[in-house]
C-alpha atoms as a PDB file:
ATOM      1  CA  UNK A   1      -6.402 -35.717 -13.008  1.00  0.00           C
ATOM      2  CA  UNK A   2      -9.908 -35.503 -13.724  1.00  0.00           C
ATOM      3  CA  UNK A   3     -10.742 -34.199 -10.047  1.00  0.00           C
ATOM      4  CA  UNK A   4      -7.753 -31.380  -9.553  1.00  0.00           C
ATOM      5  CA  UNK A   5      -9.128 -30.852 -13.075  1.00  0.00           C
ATOM      6  CA  UNK A   6     -12.433 -30.025 -12.027  1.00  0.00           C
ATOM      7  CA  UNK A   7     -11.464 -28.147  -9.137  1.00  0.00           C
ATOM      8  CA  UNK A   8      -9.081 -25.940 -10.688  1.00  0.00           C
ATOM      9  CA  UNK A   9     -11.722 -24.956 -12.868  1.00  0.00           C
ATOM     10  CA  UNK A  10     -14.165 -24.031 -10.227  1.00  0.00           C
ATOM     11  CA  UNK A  11     -11.742 -22.114  -8.676  1.00  0.00           C
ATOM     12  CA  UNK A  12     -10.995 -19.991 -12.067  1.00  0.00           C
ATOM     13  CA  UNK A  13     -14.326 -19.302 -12.395  1.00  0.00           C
ATOM     14  CA  UNK A  14     -15.209 -18.032  -8.806  1.00  0.00           C
ATOM     15  CA  UNK A  15     -12.153 -16.174  -9.345  1.00  0.00           C
ATOM     16  CA  UNK A  16     -13.414 -14.043 -12.447  1.00  0.00           C
ATOM     17  CA  UNK A  17     -17.330 -14.114 -11.006  1.00  0.00           C
ATOM     18  CA  UNK A  18     -16.460 -13.447  -7.364  1.00  0.00           C
ATOM     19  CA  UNK A  19     -15.097  -9.809  -6.577  1.00  0.00           C
ATOM     20  CA  UNK A  20     -14.651 -10.998  -3.081  1.00  0.00           C
ATOM     21  CA  UNK A  21     -12.390 -13.406  -4.005  1.00  0.00           C
ATOM     22  CA  UNK A  22     -10.646 -11.289  -6.705  1.00  0.00           C
ATOM     23  CA  UNK A  23     -10.169  -9.041  -3.699  1.00  0.00           C
ATOM     24  CA  UNK A  24      -9.057 -11.090  -1.255  1.00  0.00           C
ATOM     25  CA  UNK A  25      -6.376 -13.380  -4.352  1.00  0.00           C
ATOM     26  CA  UNK A  26      -5.201  -9.673  -5.256  1.00  0.00           C
ATOM     27  CA  UNK A  27      -4.721  -8.591  -1.356  1.00  0.00           C
ATOM     28  CA  UNK A  28      -2.182 -12.129  -0.878  1.00  0.00           C
ATOM     29  CA  UNK A  29      -0.310 -11.701  -3.933  1.00  0.00           C
ATOM     30  CA  UNK A  30       0.677  -8.364  -2.985  1.00  0.00           C
ATOM     31  CA  UNK A  31       1.974  -9.406   0.018  1.00  0.00           C
ATOM     32  CA  UNK A  32       3.710 -12.373  -0.914  1.00  0.00           C
ATOM     33  CA  UNK A  33       5.494 -10.042  -3.256  1.00  0.00           C
ATOM     34  CA  UNK A  34       5.344  -7.201  -1.790  1.00  0.00           C
ATOM     35  CA  UNK A  35       6.967  -8.258   1.932  1.00  0.00           C
ATOM     36  CA  UNK A  36      10.346 -10.387   0.027  1.00  0.00           C
ATOM     37  CA  UNK A  37      10.915  -7.415  -1.508  1.00  0.00           C
ATOM     38  CA  UNK A  38      10.862  -5.220   1.219  1.00  0.00           C
ATOM     39  CA  UNK A  39      12.615  -7.911   3.592  1.00  0.00           C
ATOM     40  CA  UNK A  40      15.609  -7.377   0.738  1.00  0.00           C
ATOM     41  CA  UNK A  41      15.733  -3.231   1.107  1.00  0.00           C
ATOM     42  CA  UNK A  42      16.302  -3.668   5.016  1.00  0.00           C
ATOM     43  CA  UNK A  43      19.003  -6.429   4.251  1.00  0.00           C
ATOM     44  CA  UNK A  44      20.626  -4.978   1.661  1.00  0.00           C
ATOM     45  CA  UNK A  45      20.687  -1.813   3.389  1.00  0.00           C
ATOM     46  CA  UNK A  46      21.526  -2.712   7.103  1.00  0.00           C
ATOM     47  CA  UNK A  47      24.649  -4.314   5.615  1.00  0.00           C
ATOM     48  CA  UNK A  48      25.273  -1.159   3.670  1.00  0.00           C
ATOM     49  CA  UNK A  49      25.021   0.657   5.977  1.00  0.00           C
ATOM     50  CA  UNK A  50      27.202   2.694   8.250  1.00  0.00           C
ATOM     51  CA  UNK A  51      26.617   4.788  11.675  1.00  0.00           C
ATOM     52  CA  UNK A  52      25.042   7.909  10.829  1.00  0.00           C
ATOM     53  CA  UNK A  53      27.071  10.833  10.255  1.00  0.00           C
ATOM     54  CA  UNK A  54      29.815   8.911   9.933  1.00  0.00           C
ATOM     55  CA  UNK A  55      31.374   8.914   5.861  1.00  0.00           C
ATOM     56  CA  UNK A  56      30.372   5.308   4.216  1.00  0.00           C
ATOM     57  CA  UNK A  57      33.005   3.345   2.248  1.00  0.00           C
ATOM     58  CA  UNK A  58      30.294   1.522   0.276  1.00  0.00           C
ATOM     59  CA  UNK A  59      28.511   4.566  -1.052  1.00  0.00           C
ATOM     60  CA  UNK A  60      30.489   7.600  -0.612  1.00  0.00           C
ATOM     61  CA  UNK A  61      28.604   9.809  -3.271  1.00  0.00           C
ATOM     62  CA  UNK A  62      25.422   9.487  -1.162  1.00  0.00           C
ATOM     63  CA  UNK A  63      26.497   7.992   2.494  1.00  0.00           C
ATOM     64  CA  UNK A  64      23.183   7.438   3.638  1.00  0.00           C
ATOM     65  CA  UNK A  65      21.873   5.623   0.511  1.00  0.00           C
ATOM     66  CA  UNK A  66      21.573   2.375   3.107  1.00  0.00           C
ATOM     67  CA  UNK A  67      19.713   3.900   5.202  1.00  0.00           C
ATOM     68  CA  UNK A  68      17.051   4.791   2.762  1.00  0.00           C
ATOM     69  CA  UNK A  69      16.617   0.960   2.118  1.00  0.00           C
ATOM     70  CA  UNK A  70      16.109   0.362   6.035  1.00  0.00           C
ATOM     71  CA  UNK A  71      13.902   3.300   6.724  1.00  0.00           C
ATOM     72  CA  UNK A  72      11.513   2.628   4.182  1.00  0.00           C
ATOM     73  CA  UNK A  73      11.625  -0.936   3.383  1.00  0.00           C
ATOM     74  CA  UNK A  74      11.182  -1.154   7.616  1.00  0.00           C
ATOM     75  CA  UNK A  75       8.314   1.858   7.364  1.00  0.00           C
ATOM     76  CA  UNK A  76       5.961  -0.170   4.426  1.00  0.00           C
ATOM     77  CA  UNK A  77       6.565  -3.090   5.688  1.00  0.00           C
ATOM     78  CA  UNK A  78       4.646  -1.346   9.553  1.00  0.00           C
ATOM     79  CA  UNK A  79       2.458   0.765   7.785  1.00  0.00           C
ATOM     80  CA  UNK A  80       1.192  -2.919   5.304  1.00  0.00           C
ATOM     81  CA  UNK A  81       0.561  -4.932   8.828  1.00  0.00           C
ATOM     82  CA  UNK A  82      -1.271  -1.788  10.679  1.00  0.00           C
ATOM     83  CA  UNK A  83      -3.707  -1.974   7.191  1.00  0.00           C
ATOM     84  CA  UNK A  84      -4.132  -5.755   7.706  1.00  0.00           C
ATOM     85  CA  UNK A  85      -5.303  -4.937  11.069  1.00  0.00           C
ATOM     86  CA  UNK A  86      -7.218  -2.796  11.466  1.00  0.00           C
ATOM     87  CA  UNK A  87      -9.072  -4.145   8.150  1.00  0.00           C
ATOM     88  CA  UNK A  88      -9.165  -7.926  10.606  1.00  0.00           C
ATOM     89  CA  UNK A  89     -10.799  -4.915  13.482  1.00  0.00           C
ATOM     90  CA  UNK A  90     -13.056  -3.363  11.154  1.00  0.00           C
ATOM     91  CA  UNK A  91     -14.838  -6.528   9.927  1.00  0.00           C
ATOM     92  CA  UNK A  92     -14.760  -7.877  13.623  1.00  0.00           C
ATOM     93  CA  UNK A  93     -16.460  -5.094  14.851  1.00  0.00           C
ATOM     94  CA  UNK A  94     -19.119  -4.169  11.759  1.00  0.00           C
ATOM     95  CA  UNK A  95     -20.132  -8.239  12.349  1.00  0.00           C
ATOM     96  CA  UNK A  96     -20.488  -8.300  15.831  1.00  0.00           C
ATOM     97  CA  UNK A  97     -21.889  -4.624  16.303  1.00  0.00           C
ATOM     98  CA  UNK A  98     -25.118  -4.245  18.437  1.00  0.00           C
ATOM     99  CA  UNK A  99     -25.734  -0.764  18.390  1.00  0.00           C
ATOM    100  CA  UNK A 100     -26.157   0.286  14.570  1.00  0.00           C
ATOM    101  CA  UNK A 101     -26.967  -1.906  11.685  1.00  0.00           C
ATOM    102  CA  UNK A 102     -25.145  -3.141   8.665  1.00  0.00           C
ATOM    103  CA  UNK A 103     -25.910  -0.319   6.473  1.00  0.00           C
ATOM    104  CA  UNK A 104     -23.935   2.250   9.242  1.00  0.00           C
ATOM    105  CA  UNK A 105     -21.414  -0.878   9.538  1.00  0.00           C
ATOM    106  CA  UNK A 106     -20.426  -1.701   6.489  1.00  0.00           C
ATOM    107  CA  UNK A 107     -19.655   2.439   6.170  1.00  0.00           C
ATOM    108  CA  UNK A 108     -17.907   2.774   9.630  1.00  0.00           C
ATOM    109  CA  UNK A 109     -15.645  -0.007   8.164  1.00  0.00           C
ATOM    110  CA  UNK A 110     -15.543   1.497   4.563  1.00  0.00           C
ATOM    111  CA  UNK A 111     -14.805   4.968   6.164  1.00  0.00           C
ATOM    112  CA  UNK A 112     -12.341   3.781   8.142  1.00  0.00           C
ATOM    113  CA  UNK A 113     -10.118   1.880   5.349  1.00  0.00           C
ATOM    114  CA  UNK A 114     -10.672   5.072   3.506  1.00  0.00           C
ATOM    115  CA  UNK A 115      -9.000   7.004   5.697  1.00  0.00           C
ATOM    116  CA  UNK A 116      -5.602   4.986   6.477  1.00  0.00           C
ATOM    117  CA  UNK A 117      -4.909   4.420   3.026  1.00  0.00           C
ATOM    118  CA  UNK A 118      -5.174   7.831   2.461  1.00  0.00           C
ATOM    119  CA  UNK A 119      -2.972   8.253   4.467  1.00  0.00           C
ATOM    120  CA  UNK A 120      -0.652   6.112   3.589  1.00  0.00           C
ATOM    121  CA  UNK A 121      -0.289   6.430   0.519  1.00  0.00           C
ATOM    122  CA  UNK A 122       0.512  10.703   1.187  1.00  0.00           C
ATOM    123  CA  UNK A 123       3.324   9.567   3.367  1.00  0.00           C
ATOM    124  CA  UNK A 124       4.656   6.887   0.531  1.00  0.00           C
ATOM    125  CA  UNK A 125       4.327   9.133  -2.387  1.00  0.00           C
ATOM    126  CA  UNK A 126       6.309  11.459   0.694  1.00  0.00           C
ATOM    127  CA  UNK A 127       9.487   9.639   0.741  1.00  0.00           C
ATOM    128  CA  UNK A 128       9.398   7.930  -2.381  1.00  0.00           C
ATOM    129  CA  UNK A 129       9.354  11.608  -4.408  1.00  0.00           C
ATOM    130  CA  UNK A 130      12.481  12.571  -1.514  1.00  0.00           C
ATOM    131  CA  UNK A 131      14.412   9.334  -1.997  1.00  0.00           C
ATOM    132  CA  UNK A 132      14.001   9.061  -5.632  1.00  0.00           C
ATOM    133  CA  UNK A 133      15.114  12.556  -5.750  1.00  0.00           C
ATOM    134  CA  UNK A 134      18.515  11.444  -3.341  1.00  0.00           C
ATOM    135  CA  UNK A 135      19.259   7.995  -5.741  1.00  0.00           C
ATOM    136  CA  UNK A 136      18.177   9.291  -9.462  1.00  0.00           C
ATOM    137  CA  UNK A 137      20.653  12.505  -9.273  1.00  0.00           C
ATOM    138  CA  UNK A 138      24.014  10.717  -8.653  1.00  0.00           C
ATOM    139  CA  UNK A 139      22.488   8.705 -11.890  1.00  0.00           C
ATOM    140  CA  UNK A 140      21.596  12.093 -13.831  1.00  0.00           C
ATOM    141  CA  UNK A 141      24.199  13.989 -13.573  1.00  0.00           C
ATOM    142  CA  UNK A 142      24.560  17.735 -12.677  1.00  0.00           C
ATOM    143  CA  UNK A 143      25.008  18.611 -16.242  1.00  0.00           C
ATOM    144  CA  UNK A 144      22.157  16.758 -17.329  1.00  0.00           C
ATOM    145  CA  UNK A 145      20.008  17.659 -13.593  1.00  0.00           C
ATOM    146  CA  UNK A 146      20.827  21.502 -15.274  1.00  0.00           C
ATOM    147  CA  UNK A 147      19.886  21.085 -18.534  1.00  0.00           C
ATOM    148  CA  UNK A 148      16.456  19.796 -18.300  1.00  0.00           C
ATOM    149  CA  UNK A 149      15.415  21.846 -15.256  1.00  0.00           C
ATOM    150  CA  UNK A 150      17.540  24.758 -15.559  1.00  0.00           C
ATOM    151  CA  UNK A 151      19.776  26.754 -12.838  1.00  0.00           C
ATOM    152  CA  UNK A 152      16.862  28.530 -10.511  1.00  0.00           C
ATOM    153  CA  UNK A 153      14.503  25.562 -11.475  1.00  0.00           C
ATOM    154  CA  UNK A 154      17.025  22.891  -9.865  1.00  0.00           C
ATOM    155  CA  UNK A 155      17.964  25.382  -7.230  1.00  0.00           C
ATOM    156  CA  UNK A 156      14.395  26.191  -6.444  1.00  0.00           C
ATOM    157  CA  UNK A 157      13.493  22.463  -6.120  1.00  0.00           C
ATOM    158  CA  UNK A 158      16.660  21.016  -4.306  1.00  0.00           C
ATOM    159  CA  UNK A 159      15.867  24.275  -1.374  1.00  0.00           C
ATOM    160  CA  UNK A 160      12.379  22.400  -1.439  1.00  0.00           C
ATOM    161  CA  UNK A 161      13.796  19.109  -0.018  1.00  0.00           C
ATOM    162  CA  UNK A 162      16.342  21.018   1.675  1.00  0.00           C
ATOM    163  CA  UNK A 163      18.962  19.558  -0.613  1.00  0.00           C
ATOM    164  CA  UNK A 164      22.447  21.014  -0.196  1.00  0.00           C
ATOM    165  CA  UNK A 165      25.216  18.479  -1.182  1.00  0.00           C
ATOM    166  CA  UNK A 166      26.878  17.828  -4.250  1.00  0.00           C
ATOM    167  CA  UNK A 167      25.305  16.096  -7.020  1.00  0.00           C
ATOM    168  CA  UNK A 168      27.761  13.084  -8.956  1.00  0.00           C
ATOM    169  CA  UNK A 169      27.688  11.811 -11.490  1.00  0.00           C
ATOM    170  CA  UNK A 170      28.429   8.124 -10.181  1.00  0.00           C
ATOM    171  CA  UNK A 171      30.143   5.662 -10.722  1.00  0.00           C
ATOM    172  CA  UNK A 172      31.423   1.766  -9.628  1.00  0.00           C
ATOM    173  CA  UNK A 173      34.961   1.473 -10.142  1.00  0.00           C
ATOM    174  CA  UNK A 174      36.837   3.101  -8.092  1.00  0.00           C
ATOM    175  CA  UNK A 175      35.863   3.422  -4.612  1.00  0.00           C
ATOM    176  CA  UNK A 176      38.277   5.463  -3.630  1.00  0.00           C
ATOM    177  CA  UNK A 177      36.572   8.398  -5.370  1.00  0.00           C
ATOM    178  CA  UNK A 178      33.606  10.537  -3.914  1.00  0.00           C
ATOM    179  CA  UNK A 179      31.260   9.674  -6.676  1.00  0.00           C
ATOM    180  CA  UNK A 180      32.008   5.986  -5.869  1.00  0.00           C
ATOM    181  CA  UNK A 181      29.194   3.648  -4.666  1.00  0.00           C
ATOM    182  CA  UNK A 182      28.623  -0.157  -4.299  1.00  0.00           C
ATOM    183  CA  UNK A 183      27.148  -1.359  -7.483  1.00  0.00           C
ATOM    184  CA  UNK A 184      24.610  -4.240  -5.694  1.00  0.00           C
ATOM    185  CA  UNK A 185      23.730  -1.020  -2.942  1.00  0.00           C
ATOM    186  CA  UNK A 186      23.143   1.740  -5.782  1.00  0.00           C
ATOM    187  CA  UNK A 187      21.136  -0.497  -8.155  1.00  0.00           C
ATOM    188  CA  UNK A 188      18.648  -2.684  -5.775  1.00  0.00           C
ATOM    189  CA  UNK A 189      17.483   1.292  -4.512  1.00  0.00           C
ATOM    190  CA  UNK A 190      17.569   2.197  -8.250  1.00  0.00           C
ATOM    191  CA  UNK A 191      15.397  -0.115  -9.239  1.00  0.00           C
ATOM    192  CA  UNK A 192      13.221  -0.678  -6.637  1.00  0.00           C
ATOM    193  CA  UNK A 193      11.904   2.512  -6.782  1.00  0.00           C
ATOM    194  CA  UNK A 194      11.464   1.937 -10.606  1.00  0.00           C
ATOM    195  CA  UNK A 195       9.048  -0.755  -9.568  1.00  0.00           C
ATOM    196  CA  UNK A 196       8.007   0.874  -6.269  1.00  0.00           C
ATOM    197  CA  UNK A 197       6.700   3.726  -9.560  1.00  0.00           C
ATOM    198  CA  UNK A 198       4.637   1.424 -11.316  1.00  0.00           C
ATOM    199  CA  UNK A 199       3.203   0.120  -8.028  1.00  0.00           C
ATOM    200  CA  UNK A 200       1.610   2.948  -6.552  1.00  0.00           C
ATOM    201  CA  UNK A 201       1.143   4.243 -10.258  1.00  0.00           C
ATOM    202  CA  UNK A 202      -1.040   0.732 -10.035  1.00  0.00           C
ATOM    203  CA  UNK A 203      -2.187   1.124  -6.125  1.00  0.00           C
ATOM    204  CA  UNK A 204      -3.565   4.136  -7.228  1.00  0.00           C
ATOM    205  CA  UNK A 205      -5.512   3.950 -10.399  1.00  0.00           C
ATOM    206  CA  UNK A 206      -7.164   0.842  -8.996  1.00  0.00           C
ATOM    207  CA  UNK A 207      -7.841   2.917  -5.505  1.00  0.00           C
ATOM    208  CA  UNK A 208      -9.621   5.624  -7.438  1.00  0.00           C
ATOM    209  CA  UNK A 209     -11.344   2.923  -9.641  1.00  0.00           C
ATOM    210  CA  UNK A 210     -12.538   1.131  -6.678  1.00  0.00           C
ATOM    211  CA  UNK A 211     -13.483   3.111  -3.715  1.00  0.00           C
ATOM    212  CA  UNK A 212     -14.043   6.494  -5.291  1.00  0.00           C
ATOM    213  CA  UNK A 213     -15.425   5.699  -8.887  1.00  0.00           C
ATOM    214  CA  UNK A 214     -17.044   2.426  -7.431  1.00  0.00           C
ATOM    215  CA  UNK A 215     -18.387   2.639  -4.262  1.00  0.00           C
ATOM    216  CA  UNK A 216     -19.011   6.357  -3.769  1.00  0.00           C
ATOM    217  CA  UNK A 217     -19.898   7.441  -7.041  1.00  0.00           C
ATOM    218  CA  UNK A 218     -21.363   4.863  -8.769  1.00  0.00           C
ATOM    219  CA  UNK A 219     -22.661   3.898  -4.331  1.00  0.00           C
ATOM    220  CA  UNK A 220     -21.928  -0.229  -4.647  1.00  0.00           C
ATOM    221  CA  UNK A 221     -20.936   0.172  -1.625  1.00  0.00           C
ATOM    222  CA  UNK A 222     -23.229  -1.224   0.914  1.00  0.00           C
ATOM    223  CA  UNK A 223     -26.094  -2.229  -2.628  1.00  0.00           C
ATOM    224  CA  UNK A 224     -25.991  -6.490  -1.272  1.00  0.00           C
ATOM    225  CA  UNK A 225     -27.341  -5.570   2.043  1.00  0.00           C
ATOM    226  CA  UNK A 226     -31.506  -5.388   2.272  1.00  0.00           C
ATOM    227  CA  UNK A 227     -33.510  -6.272   4.945  1.00  0.00           C
ATOM    228  CA  UNK A 228     -36.752  -8.189   4.988  1.00  0.00           C
ATOM    229  CA  UNK A 229     -39.661  -5.561   5.643  1.00  0.00           C
ATOM    230  CA  UNK A 230     -42.378  -7.232   8.503  1.00  0.00           C
ATOM    231  CA  UNK A 231     -45.687  -6.129   9.476  1.00  0.00           C
ATOM    232  CA  UNK A 232     -46.739  -4.550  12.641  1.00  0.00           C
ATOM    233  CA  UNK A 233     -48.205  -8.133  14.247  1.00  0.00           C
ATOM    234  CA  UNK A 234     -45.076  -9.720  12.572  1.00  0.00           C
ATOM    235  CA  UNK A 235     -42.598  -7.133  14.962  1.00  0.00           C
ATOM    236  CA  UNK A 236     -45.264  -7.305  17.719  1.00  0.00           C
ATOM    237  CA  UNK A 237     -44.942 -10.988  18.411  1.00  0.00           C
ATOM    238  CA  UNK A 238     -40.969 -10.242  17.685  1.00  0.00           C
ATOM    239  CA  UNK A 239     -40.831  -8.408  21.082  1.00  0.00           C
ATOM    240  CA  UNK A 240     -43.424 -10.473  23.020  1.00  0.00           C
ATOM    241  CA  UNK A 241     -42.004 -13.914  21.808  1.00  0.00           C
ATOM    242  CA  UNK A 242     -37.863 -13.226  21.346  1.00  0.00           C
ATOM    243  CA  UNK A 243     -37.030 -16.970  21.804  1.00  0.00           C
ATOM    244  CA  UNK A 244     -38.776 -17.785  18.901  1.00  0.00           C
ATOM    245  CA  UNK A 245     -36.425 -19.086  16.063  1.00  0.00           C
ATOM    246  CA  UNK A 246     -39.202 -18.836  13.550  1.00  0.00           C
ATOM    247  CA  UNK A 247     -39.565 -14.875  14.160  1.00  0.00           C
ATOM    248  CA  UNK A 248     -36.327 -14.422  14.569  1.00  0.00           C
ATOM    249  CA  UNK A 249     -35.783 -16.233  10.745  1.00  0.00           C
ATOM    250  CA  UNK A 250     -38.161 -13.285   9.322  1.00  0.00           C
ATOM    251  CA  UNK A 251     -35.990 -10.374  10.666  1.00  0.00           C
ATOM    252  CA  UNK A 252     -31.757 -11.752   9.603  1.00  0.00           C
ATOM    253  CA  UNK A 253     -30.651  -9.725   6.979  1.00  0.00           C
ATOM    254  CA  UNK A 254     -29.162 -10.676   3.736  1.00  0.00           C
ATOM    255  CA  UNK A 255     -25.525 -10.065   3.245  1.00  0.00           C
END
């Protein structure tokens, strides 16, 4: 029991003091929590979906809502899996590259991950804005939307999204009504979109704080990479004796 407590204490201490360990745990929690939610989106959407272009008895108010869940859950899961692959590939390239020094490899890894993260965030935000409107408008209702946005503002916003459908005030009791939607289907979409905005806001804050301010503005990206300087005599001896373990150890890079 004491040994287990000691191990737990060491892990907690490492988590609090080691930035890389916190990063690994944070990404692990994100994926462990994220993939079941994305799977739930795909499963619920697939069970309630009708063929595209046909009426959906599960949600006459918004017939395409199941497909929002399927495409969103599947698409975001695919992007997360690609992110894992990109990170692994870039880490492997950085650790095994021979053409550049370690600082160049560090910047290469960071740049590729940064570009991919920006592209993914832009795509997710665009999807979230569109789908949030298509789902939330039926919960708010047309009268309240007109009072909040005004007729001209509402028409302009709908035109920008290509929305010319009827806005209903959704209800969950009368399946024969045009404003009906299955309660499970609608609430899964509504709750997950609400949580998605919270998670996306947190991810954006972490992204700006870590990658923009910490690594770029504060120049801490490759701060822990240092090179041991060699004298001209040592460099000449290394060239003449490339197999010398003693001399090559002096040329090691402290990562």
